[in-house]
Amino acid sequence: VQLQASGGGLVQPGGSLRLSCAASGTIVSLLTMAWYRQAPGNQRELVADITRDDTPTYADLVKGRFTISRDNAKRTVYLQMNGLNAEDAAVYYCNARVVNKWGLNDYWGQGTLVTVSS
């Protein structure tokens, strides 16, 4: 299973970005998909996740600013990020819980860098 993340970049404070992450490979069922982030010197933290039936959960720091969504037909999860500030700068990683012939497993994307600077 491969997760290909994209959409990161440089944005000014208050700006917006939309991240995408597409899953491919041997997948029987794509369960919860999530976005994590890791800033330099910090541990990786959960930003948001979304279940197969579209129930989202958000970290308190991003509630009201970020929106997670998914397209099951495209096996893709999105993260719309609005009102970005310096504290949001990090490498963002997508995660997918997958059922395949090897059982239930978690997979990670390669990360996409978000930089917030004026």
C-alpha atoms as a PDB file:
ATOM      1  CA  VAL A   1       0.000   0.000   0.000  1.00  0.00           C
ATOM      2  CA  GLN A   2       1.309   3.434  -0.942  1.00  0.00           C
ATOM      3  CA  LEU A   3       0.090   6.809   0.292  1.00  0.00           C
ATOM      4  CA  GLN A   4       1.020   9.772  -1.900  1.00  0.00           C
ATOM      5  CA  ALA A   5       0.638  13.124  -0.176  1.00  0.00           C
ATOM      6  CA  SER A   6       0.713  16.478  -1.933  1.00  0.00           C
ATOM      7  CA  GLY A   7      -0.319  20.099  -1.532  1.00  0.00           C
ATOM      8  CA  GLY A   8       2.194  21.471   0.924  1.00  0.00           C
ATOM      9  CA  GLY A   9       4.069  24.674   0.338  1.00  0.00           C
ATOM     10  CA  LEU A  10       4.784  28.184   1.532  1.00  0.00           C
ATOM     11  CA  VAL A  11       1.853  30.311   2.653  1.00  0.00           C
ATOM     12  CA  GLN A  12       1.527  33.634   4.415  1.00  0.00           C
ATOM     13  CA  PRO A  13      -0.047  33.848   7.874  1.00  0.00           C
ATOM     14  CA  GLY A  14      -3.805  33.764   7.515  1.00  0.00           C
ATOM     15  CA  GLY A  15      -3.582  31.919   4.233  1.00  0.00           C
ATOM     16  CA  SER A  16      -4.933  28.554   3.114  1.00  0.00           C
ATOM     17  CA  LEU A  17      -3.668  25.283   1.727  1.00  0.00           C
ATOM     18  CA  ARG A  18      -5.337  22.039   0.726  1.00  0.00           C
ATOM     19  CA  LEU A  19      -3.503  18.783   1.257  1.00  0.00           C
ATOM     20  CA  SER A  20      -4.362  15.580  -0.569  1.00  0.00           C
ATOM     21  CA  CYS A  21      -3.341  11.987   0.044  1.00  0.00           C
ATOM     22  CA  ALA A  22      -4.185   9.148  -2.314  1.00  0.00           C
ATOM     23  CA  ALA A  23      -3.955   5.501  -1.333  1.00  0.00           C
ATOM     24  CA  SER A  24      -3.091   2.781  -3.802  1.00  0.00           C
ATOM     25  CA  GLY A  25      -2.107  -0.861  -3.791  1.00  0.00           C
ATOM     26  CA  THR A  26      -3.591  -3.971  -2.230  1.00  0.00           C
ATOM     27  CA  ILE A  27      -6.585  -2.701  -0.274  1.00  0.00           C
ATOM     28  CA  VAL A  28      -9.665  -4.658   0.672  1.00  0.00           C
ATOM     29  CA  SER A  29     -11.117  -1.966   2.899  1.00  0.00           C
ATOM     30  CA  LEU A  30      -9.910   1.557   3.631  1.00  0.00           C
ATOM     31  CA  LEU A  31     -10.914   2.411   7.180  1.00  0.00           C
ATOM     32  CA  THR A  32      -9.990   5.527   9.155  1.00  0.00           C
ATOM     33  CA  MET A  33      -7.749   8.017   7.358  1.00  0.00           C
ATOM     34  CA  ALA A  34      -5.882  10.720   9.185  1.00  0.00           C
ATOM     35  CA  TRP A  35      -3.476  13.623   9.010  1.00  0.00           C
ATOM     36  CA  TYR A  36      -0.645  14.021  11.486  1.00  0.00           C
ATOM     37  CA  ARG A  37       2.020  16.682  11.683  1.00  0.00           C
ATOM     38  CA  GLN A  38       5.469  16.997  13.130  1.00  0.00           C
ATOM     39  CA  ALA A  39       7.309  20.253  13.710  1.00  0.00           C
ATOM     40  CA  PRO A  40      11.061  20.340  14.383  1.00  0.00           C
ATOM     41  CA  GLY A  41      11.801  19.216  17.923  1.00  0.00           C
ATOM     42  CA  ASN A  42       8.241  18.057  18.498  1.00  0.00           C
ATOM     43  CA  GLN A  43       6.552  14.694  18.482  1.00  0.00           C
ATOM     44  CA  ARG A  44       4.210  13.721  15.727  1.00  0.00           C
ATOM     45  CA  GLU A  45       0.671  14.743  16.631  1.00  0.00           C
ATOM     46  CA  LEU A  46      -2.759  13.947  15.305  1.00  0.00           C
ATOM     47  CA  VAL A  47      -4.342  16.822  13.411  1.00  0.00           C
ATOM     48  CA  ALA A  48      -7.571  15.216  12.260  1.00  0.00           C
ATOM     49  CA  ASP A  49      -9.010  11.883  11.258  1.00  0.00           C
ATOM     50  CA  ILE A  50     -12.095  10.690   9.461  1.00  0.00           C
ATOM     51  CA  THR A  51     -13.825   7.342   9.579  1.00  0.00           C
ATOM     52  CA  ARG A  52     -15.036   5.384   6.602  1.00  0.00           C
ATOM     53  CA  ASP A  53     -18.541   6.763   7.151  1.00  0.00           C
ATOM     54  CA  ASP A  54     -17.246  10.362   7.165  1.00  0.00           C
ATOM     55  CA  THR A  55     -17.178  11.066  10.906  1.00  0.00           C
ATOM     56  CA  PRO A  56     -14.362  13.575  11.558  1.00  0.00           C
ATOM     57  CA  THR A  57     -12.348  14.291  14.673  1.00  0.00           C
ATOM     58  CA  TYR A  58     -10.090  17.317  15.132  1.00  0.00           C
ATOM     59  CA  ALA A  59      -7.318  18.348  17.448  1.00  0.00           C
ATOM     60  CA  ASP A  60      -8.368  21.327  19.560  1.00  0.00           C
ATOM     61  CA  LEU A  61      -5.720  23.556  17.977  1.00  0.00           C
ATOM     62  CA  VAL A  62      -7.244  23.239  14.506  1.00  0.00           C
ATOM     63  CA  LYS A  63     -10.960  23.102  15.232  1.00  0.00           C
ATOM     64  CA  GLY A  64     -12.841  25.665  13.214  1.00  0.00           C
ATOM     65  CA  ARG A  65      -9.914  26.242  10.850  1.00  0.00           C
ATOM     66  CA  PHE A  66      -9.195  22.850   9.276  1.00  0.00           C
ATOM     67  CA  THR A  67     -11.595  20.510   7.519  1.00  0.00           C
ATOM     68  CA  ILE A  68     -10.886  16.871   6.755  1.00  0.00           C
ATOM     69  CA  SER A  69     -12.798  15.032   4.053  1.00  0.00           C
ATOM     70  CA  ARG A  70     -12.450  11.914   1.947  1.00  0.00           C
ATOM     71  CA  ASP A  71     -13.475  10.474  -1.380  1.00  0.00           C
ATOM     72  CA  ASN A  72     -13.770   6.722  -0.999  1.00  0.00           C
ATOM     73  CA  ALA A  73     -14.073   6.142  -4.731  1.00  0.00           C
ATOM     74  CA  LYS A  74     -10.725   7.880  -5.226  1.00  0.00           C
ATOM     75  CA  ARG A  75      -9.238   6.448  -1.999  1.00  0.00           C
ATOM     76  CA  THR A  76      -8.189   9.971  -1.158  1.00  0.00           C
ATOM     77  CA  VAL A  77      -8.254  12.060   2.001  1.00  0.00           C
ATOM     78  CA  TYR A  78      -8.063  15.850   2.005  1.00  0.00           C
ATOM     79  CA  LEU A  79      -7.197  18.472   4.568  1.00  0.00           C
ATOM     80  CA  GLN A  80      -8.400  22.004   3.910  1.00  0.00           C
ATOM     81  CA  MET A  81      -6.404  24.347   6.114  1.00  0.00           C
ATOM     82  CA  ASN A  82      -7.564  27.930   6.596  1.00  0.00           C
ATOM     83  CA  GLY A  83      -6.279  30.660   8.845  1.00  0.00           C
ATOM     84  CA  LEU A  84      -2.792  29.204   8.946  1.00  0.00           C
ATOM     85  CA  ASN A  85      -0.354  30.534  11.515  1.00  0.00           C
ATOM     86  CA  ALA A  86       3.254  29.906  12.414  1.00  0.00           C
ATOM     87  CA  GLU A  87       2.286  27.145  14.846  1.00  0.00           C
ATOM     88  CA  ASP A  88       0.837  25.156  11.943  1.00  0.00           C
ATOM     89  CA  ALA A  89       4.181  24.936  10.163  1.00  0.00           C
ATOM     90  CA  ALA A  90       5.272  21.306  10.085  1.00  0.00           C
ATOM     91  CA  VAL A  91       5.654  18.243   7.934  1.00  0.00           C
ATOM     92  CA  TYR A  92       2.186  16.792   7.451  1.00  0.00           C
ATOM     93  CA  TYR A  93       1.801  13.034   7.142  1.00  0.00           C
ATOM     94  CA  CYS A  94      -1.227  11.084   6.052  1.00  0.00           C
ATOM     95  CA  ASN A  95      -2.109   7.796   7.645  1.00  0.00           C
ATOM     96  CA  ALA A  96      -4.522   5.088   6.595  1.00  0.00           C
ATOM     97  CA  ARG A  97      -5.810   2.052   8.421  1.00  0.00           C
ATOM     98  CA  VAL A  98      -6.263  -0.655   5.839  1.00  0.00           C
ATOM     99  CA  VAL A  99      -7.622  -4.156   5.674  1.00  0.00           C
ATOM    100  CA  ASN A 100      -5.836  -6.232   3.062  1.00  0.00           C
ATOM    101  CA  LYS A 101      -4.606  -9.778   2.603  1.00  0.00           C
ATOM    102  CA  TRP A 102      -2.059  -9.226   5.360  1.00  0.00           C
ATOM    103  CA  GLY A 103      -4.712  -8.220   7.857  1.00  0.00           C
ATOM    104  CA  LEU A 104      -5.293  -4.862   9.559  1.00  0.00           C
ATOM    105  CA  ASN A 105      -2.391  -2.455   9.115  1.00  0.00           C
ATOM    106  CA  ASP A 106      -1.513   1.237   9.346  1.00  0.00           C
ATOM    107  CA  TYR A 107       0.334   2.891   6.492  1.00  0.00           C
ATOM    108  CA  TRP A 108       2.038   6.282   6.268  1.00  0.00           C
ATOM    109  CA  GLY A 109       2.647   8.727   3.457  1.00  0.00           C
ATOM    110  CA  GLN A 110       5.988  10.387   2.850  1.00  0.00           C
ATOM    111  CA  GLY A 111       5.051  13.752   4.328  1.00  0.00           C
ATOM    112  CA  THR A 112       4.475  17.132   2.782  1.00  0.00           C
ATOM    113  CA  LEU A 113       6.020  20.319   4.178  1.00  0.00           C
ATOM    114  CA  VAL A 114       3.882  23.275   5.174  1.00  0.00           C
ATOM    115  CA  THR A 115       5.724  26.535   5.799  1.00  0.00           C
ATOM    116  CA  VAL A 116       3.935  29.590   7.168  1.00  0.00           C
ATOM    117  CA  SER A 117       5.877  32.795   6.781  1.00  0.00           C
ATOM    118  CA  SER A 118       5.463  36.352   5.628  1.00  0.00           C
END
